[in-house]
Amino acid sequence: MKDAFGAPQSLLVLGGTSEIGLATARRLIARRTRTVLLAGRPSPALESAADSLRTLGAEVRTVPFDALDTAAHGEILGKLFTDGDIDMVLLAFGVLGDQAHDEADPPAAVQVAQTNYTGAVSALLICAQALQAQGHGSLVVLSSVAGERARRANFIYGSSKAGLDAFAQGLGDALYGTGVHVMVVRPGFVRTRMTAGLDEPPLTTTPHAVATAIELGLRRRSETVWVPGAMRAVMTALRHVPRPLFRRLPL
């Protein structure tokens, strides 16, 4: 259960090596989160991430999890909830892909879509059912402003995030009144390993800033969080740009 200050006592990060996921875990550990489950593909990076959180005083376990192996999600995630209540699930996995390469290689494009959308749908539904059964918890979904309007430069990634965002909003509506809180987080360009080497646009943010926004959103029980907050106005404007003009924008 959450403590008197609203901080989750236990956290499951789907995408255990995600820089945003780990930044969020560190911030929540500082606010009394004591148990962290890092779910991801087994690797030295996953174990290193777990060790880094243990130094902060948390009990940390790693869990083998592959977003693409949806057939295994029920058994793997279901077992975690039978071991005890989980106060918060953070869906933090995803891939950016390579737009130019993936347009010419449909199977690669499909893998981006399956990771960012199909894998997320599977994991979210399983976790939502478990949270609903225990009667409480928060489900935090890392979406992206890229899903607000697909751009020529990354429409494969953007379309997958658009699907995820719409799904998470609908799931939040379905769970309203059950004790389960769903929060959709829409960061702009985040400076991470995934975006290394790419040109940084205005309003570029960091994993730490996203983690701070997530913590604040949890306290406020927000349904949607934009990071930085100014991205909400930017994307509202871009949504209404006529399509012929939108095509000409350097986006």
Protein backbone atom coordinates (compact mmCIF):
# COMPACT_ATOMS: atom_id res chain seq x y z
CA MET A 1 0.00 0.00 0.00
CA LYS A 2 1.01 3.63 -0.42
CA ASP A 3 2.26 5.32 2.73
CA ALA A 4 0.71 8.36 4.40
CA PHE A 5 2.57 10.62 1.97
CA GLY A 6 1.18 8.84 -1.11
CA ALA A 7 4.44 7.14 -2.07
CA PRO A 8 4.20 3.55 -3.35
CA GLN A 9 5.89 0.98 -1.14
CA SER A 10 6.48 -1.41 -4.05
CA LEU A 11 7.28 -0.70 -7.70
CA LEU A 12 7.38 -2.86 -10.82
CA VAL A 13 9.32 -1.38 -13.74
CA LEU A 14 8.56 -3.03 -17.07
CA GLY A 15 11.71 -2.17 -18.99
CA GLY A 16 14.19 -2.59 -16.18
CA THR A 17 17.11 -0.85 -17.89
CA SER A 18 15.10 2.19 -19.00
CA GLU A 19 16.85 5.37 -17.94
CA ILE A 20 13.51 7.02 -17.21
CA GLY A 21 12.35 3.95 -15.30
CA LEU A 22 15.49 3.89 -13.18
CA ALA A 23 15.39 7.64 -12.54
CA THR A 24 11.81 7.22 -11.36
CA ALA A 25 12.77 4.30 -9.13
CA ARG A 26 15.58 6.34 -7.55
CA ARG A 27 13.24 9.23 -6.88
CA LEU A 28 10.59 6.99 -5.33
CA ILE A 29 13.13 5.12 -3.20
CA ALA A 30 14.08 8.50 -1.74
CA ARG A 31 10.39 8.85 -0.83
CA ARG A 32 10.05 5.51 1.00
CA THR A 33 9.59 2.97 -1.81
CA ARG A 34 11.23 -0.15 -0.41
CA THR A 35 10.68 -2.94 -2.95
CA VAL A 36 11.55 -2.65 -6.64
CA LEU A 37 11.07 -5.28 -9.34
CA LEU A 38 13.04 -4.66 -12.53
CA ALA A 39 11.58 -6.64 -15.43
CA GLY A 40 13.62 -6.93 -18.59
CA ARG A 41 15.72 -9.16 -20.77
CA PRO A 42 18.44 -10.83 -18.66
CA SER A 43 21.69 -8.93 -19.16
CA PRO A 44 24.64 -7.46 -17.25
CA ALA A 45 22.94 -4.06 -17.67
CA LEU A 46 19.83 -5.28 -15.85
CA GLU A 47 21.88 -6.66 -12.97
CA SER A 48 23.93 -3.47 -12.80
CA ALA A 49 20.72 -1.42 -12.63
CA ALA A 50 19.49 -3.58 -9.76
CA ASP A 51 22.78 -3.19 -7.88
CA SER A 52 22.65 0.58 -8.25
CA LEU A 53 19.21 0.68 -6.63
CA ARG A 54 20.24 -1.65 -3.82
CA THR A 55 22.89 0.87 -2.75
CA LEU A 56 20.01 3.26 -2.05
CA GLY A 57 18.53 0.87 0.50
CA ALA A 58 15.81 -0.83 -1.56
CA GLU A 59 15.13 -4.54 -1.88
CA VAL A 60 15.52 -5.18 -5.61
CA ARG A 61 14.73 -8.23 -7.73
CA THR A 62 15.25 -8.74 -11.43
CA VAL A 63 12.59 -10.51 -13.48
CA PRO A 64 13.13 -12.00 -16.96
CA PHE A 65 10.67 -10.25 -19.27
CA ASP A 66 10.54 -9.80 -23.04
CA ALA A 67 7.95 -7.40 -24.45
CA LEU A 68 7.77 -9.43 -27.66
CA ASP A 69 7.10 -12.74 -25.90
CA THR A 70 3.47 -12.01 -25.13
CA ALA A 71 2.66 -15.69 -24.65
CA ALA A 72 4.79 -15.67 -21.49
CA HIS A 73 3.46 -12.43 -20.01
CA GLY A 74 0.58 -13.99 -18.12
CA GLU A 75 2.73 -16.48 -16.25
CA ILE A 76 5.62 -14.11 -15.53
CA LEU A 77 3.63 -11.06 -14.47
CA GLY A 78 0.88 -13.02 -12.79
CA LYS A 79 3.38 -14.69 -10.47
CA LEU A 80 4.76 -11.34 -9.36
CA PHE A 81 1.36 -10.32 -8.03
CA THR A 82 0.81 -13.64 -6.27
CA ASP A 83 4.03 -12.95 -4.33
CA GLY A 84 2.48 -9.81 -2.82
CA ASP A 85 0.73 -6.55 -3.65
CA ILE A 86 2.42 -4.14 -6.06
CA ASP A 87 1.54 -0.48 -5.53
CA MET A 88 2.79 0.89 -8.83
CA VAL A 89 3.57 -0.48 -12.28
CA LEU A 90 5.64 1.68 -14.62
CA LEU A 91 5.56 0.67 -18.27
CA ALA A 92 8.89 2.04 -19.50
CA PHE A 93 9.94 -0.21 -22.38
CA GLY A 94 9.99 0.85 -26.01
CA VAL A 95 12.20 1.18 -29.05
CA LEU A 96 12.76 4.16 -31.33
CA GLY A 97 13.74 2.22 -34.42
CA ASP A 98 15.40 3.70 -37.48
CA GLN A 99 12.78 5.35 -39.68
CA ALA A 100 14.73 5.26 -42.96
CA HIS A 101 15.83 1.66 -42.44
CA ASP A 102 12.48 0.44 -41.17
CA GLU A 103 10.51 1.93 -44.08
CA ALA A 104 12.58 -0.26 -46.40
CA ASP A 105 12.40 -3.29 -44.10
CA PRO A 106 8.78 -4.00 -43.14
CA PRO A 107 9.66 -6.76 -40.63
CA ALA A 108 11.79 -4.23 -38.73
CA ALA A 109 8.88 -1.77 -38.73
CA VAL A 110 6.59 -4.50 -37.45
CA GLN A 111 8.99 -5.22 -34.59
CA VAL A 112 8.87 -1.57 -33.52
CA ALA A 113 5.07 -1.70 -33.55
CA GLN A 114 4.94 -5.02 -31.70
CA THR A 115 7.32 -3.83 -29.00
CA ASN A 116 5.78 -0.41 -28.43
CA TYR A 117 2.15 -1.34 -28.87
CA THR A 118 1.32 -5.06 -28.92
CA GLY A 119 3.73 -5.94 -26.11
CA ALA A 120 2.47 -3.00 -24.09
CA VAL A 121 -1.19 -3.94 -24.59
CA SER A 122 -0.47 -7.45 -23.32
CA ALA A 123 1.49 -6.33 -20.27
CA LEU A 124 -0.89 -3.52 -19.37
CA LEU A 125 -4.00 -5.68 -19.47
CA ILE A 126 -2.41 -8.35 -17.30
CA CYS A 127 -1.16 -5.83 -14.76
CA ALA A 128 -4.46 -3.93 -14.80
CA GLN A 129 -6.38 -7.10 -13.95
CA ALA A 130 -3.99 -7.88 -11.11
CA LEU A 131 -4.14 -4.34 -9.71
CA GLN A 132 -7.91 -4.40 -9.89
CA ALA A 133 -8.00 -7.74 -8.07
CA GLN A 134 -5.90 -6.34 -5.23
CA GLY A 135 -8.10 -3.23 -5.14
CA HIS A 136 -5.47 -0.52 -5.42
CA GLY A 137 -2.42 0.66 -7.31
CA SER A 138 -1.14 3.00 -10.00
CA LEU A 139 -0.41 2.10 -13.60
CA VAL A 140 1.96 4.63 -15.18
CA VAL A 141 2.44 4.46 -18.95
CA LEU A 142 5.32 6.17 -20.73
CA SER A 143 3.86 7.46 -23.96
CA SER A 144 5.38 10.26 -26.06
CA VAL A 145 4.43 13.55 -27.66
CA ALA A 146 5.36 11.77 -30.90
CA GLY A 147 2.02 10.01 -30.66
CA GLU A 148 0.07 13.26 -30.78
CA ARG A 149 0.62 13.70 -34.52
CA ALA A 150 2.73 11.44 -36.71
CA ARG A 151 5.63 13.23 -38.37
CA ARG A 152 7.34 12.26 -41.61
CA ALA A 153 10.63 11.86 -39.77
CA ASN A 154 9.38 9.15 -37.38
CA PHE A 155 5.85 8.08 -38.25
CA ILE A 156 6.53 4.40 -37.50
CA TYR A 157 7.53 5.15 -33.92
CA GLY A 158 4.94 7.91 -33.60
CA SER A 159 2.09 5.72 -34.79
CA SER A 160 3.00 3.01 -32.29
CA LYS A 161 2.99 5.57 -29.48
CA ALA A 162 -0.32 6.98 -30.72
CA GLY A 163 -1.84 3.53 -30.38
CA LEU A 164 -0.34 3.04 -26.93
CA ASP A 165 -1.55 6.45 -25.77
CA ALA A 166 -5.11 5.85 -26.94
CA PHE A 167 -5.13 2.38 -25.39
CA ALA A 168 -3.86 3.68 -22.03
CA GLN A 169 -6.49 6.43 -21.96
CA GLY A 170 -9.23 3.90 -22.65
CA LEU A 171 -7.85 1.58 -20.00
CA GLY A 172 -7.90 4.43 -17.51
CA ASP A 173 -11.55 5.05 -18.27
CA ALA A 174 -12.33 1.34 -17.91
CA LEU A 175 -10.63 1.23 -14.50
CA TYR A 176 -12.11 4.46 -13.18
CA GLY A 177 -13.71 3.85 -9.79
CA THR A 178 -11.97 0.51 -9.20
CA GLY A 179 -9.18 1.90 -7.01
CA VAL A 180 -6.64 1.65 -9.84
CA HIS A 181 -5.16 4.92 -11.08
CA VAL A 182 -3.87 5.11 -14.66
CA MET A 183 -1.51 7.94 -15.60
CA VAL A 184 -0.26 8.60 -19.15
CA VAL A 185 3.09 10.40 -19.35
CA ARG A 186 3.95 12.26 -22.56
CA PRO A 187 7.57 13.38 -22.62
CA GLY A 188 9.07 15.33 -25.47
CA PHE A 189 12.56 14.52 -26.71
CA VAL A 190 14.44 12.93 -23.78
CA ARG A 191 18.22 12.87 -23.62
CA THR A 192 18.94 9.11 -23.23
CA ARG A 193 20.99 6.34 -24.81
CA MET A 194 18.12 5.75 -27.23
CA THR A 195 18.35 9.29 -28.61
CA ALA A 196 22.13 9.65 -28.46
CA GLY A 197 23.52 11.23 -31.62
CA LEU A 198 20.20 12.77 -32.70
CA ASP A 199 19.74 16.52 -33.01
CA GLU A 200 18.14 17.90 -29.87
CA PRO A 201 15.05 20.05 -30.51
CA PRO A 202 13.83 22.86 -28.28
CA LEU A 203 12.31 21.72 -24.97
CA THR A 204 14.58 18.67 -24.79
CA THR A 205 14.25 17.10 -21.36
CA THR A 206 16.03 14.52 -19.18
CA PRO A 207 15.14 11.26 -17.41
CA HIS A 208 15.45 13.07 -14.07
CA ALA A 209 12.92 15.70 -15.16
CA VAL A 210 10.49 13.02 -16.35
CA ALA A 211 10.88 11.16 -13.03
CA THR A 212 10.16 14.37 -11.12
CA ALA A 213 7.02 14.93 -13.19
CA ILE A 214 5.90 11.34 -12.59
CA GLU A 215 6.29 11.72 -8.83
CA LEU A 216 4.30 14.96 -8.84
CA GLY A 217 1.63 13.40 -11.04
CA LEU A 218 1.28 10.49 -8.64
CA ARG A 219 0.77 12.84 -5.71
CA ARG A 220 -1.86 14.76 -7.66
CA ARG A 221 -3.40 11.59 -9.11
CA SER A 222 -3.10 13.15 -12.55
CA GLU A 223 -4.40 11.29 -15.58
CA THR A 224 -2.05 12.92 -18.09
CA VAL A 225 1.40 14.42 -17.55
CA TRP A 226 3.37 16.42 -20.15
CA VAL A 227 7.15 16.80 -19.81
CA PRO A 228 8.07 19.58 -19.96
CA GLY A 229 4.69 21.15 -19.30
CA ALA A 230 5.10 23.55 -22.23
CA MET A 231 4.84 20.59 -24.63
CA ARG A 232 1.09 20.54 -24.05
CA ALA A 233 0.66 23.94 -25.70
CA VAL A 234 3.12 23.10 -28.47
CA MET A 235 1.37 19.88 -29.42
CA THR A 236 -2.07 21.47 -29.17
CA ALA A 237 -0.94 24.01 -31.76
CA LEU A 238 0.66 21.38 -34.00
CA ARG A 239 -2.48 19.24 -33.98
CA HIS A 240 -4.36 22.09 -35.63
CA VAL A 241 -1.83 22.97 -38.33
CA PRO A 242 -3.37 22.21 -41.76
CA ARG A 243 -1.84 19.12 -43.27
CA PRO A 244 -0.35 20.77 -46.39
CA LEU A 245 1.47 23.23 -44.13
CA PHE A 246 2.42 20.55 -41.60
CA ARG A 247 4.24 18.64 -44.36
CA ARG A 248 6.49 21.61 -44.94
CA LEU A 249 7.50 22.11 -41.32
CA PRO A 250 11.08 21.04 -40.43
CA LEU A 251 9.92 18.37 -37.98
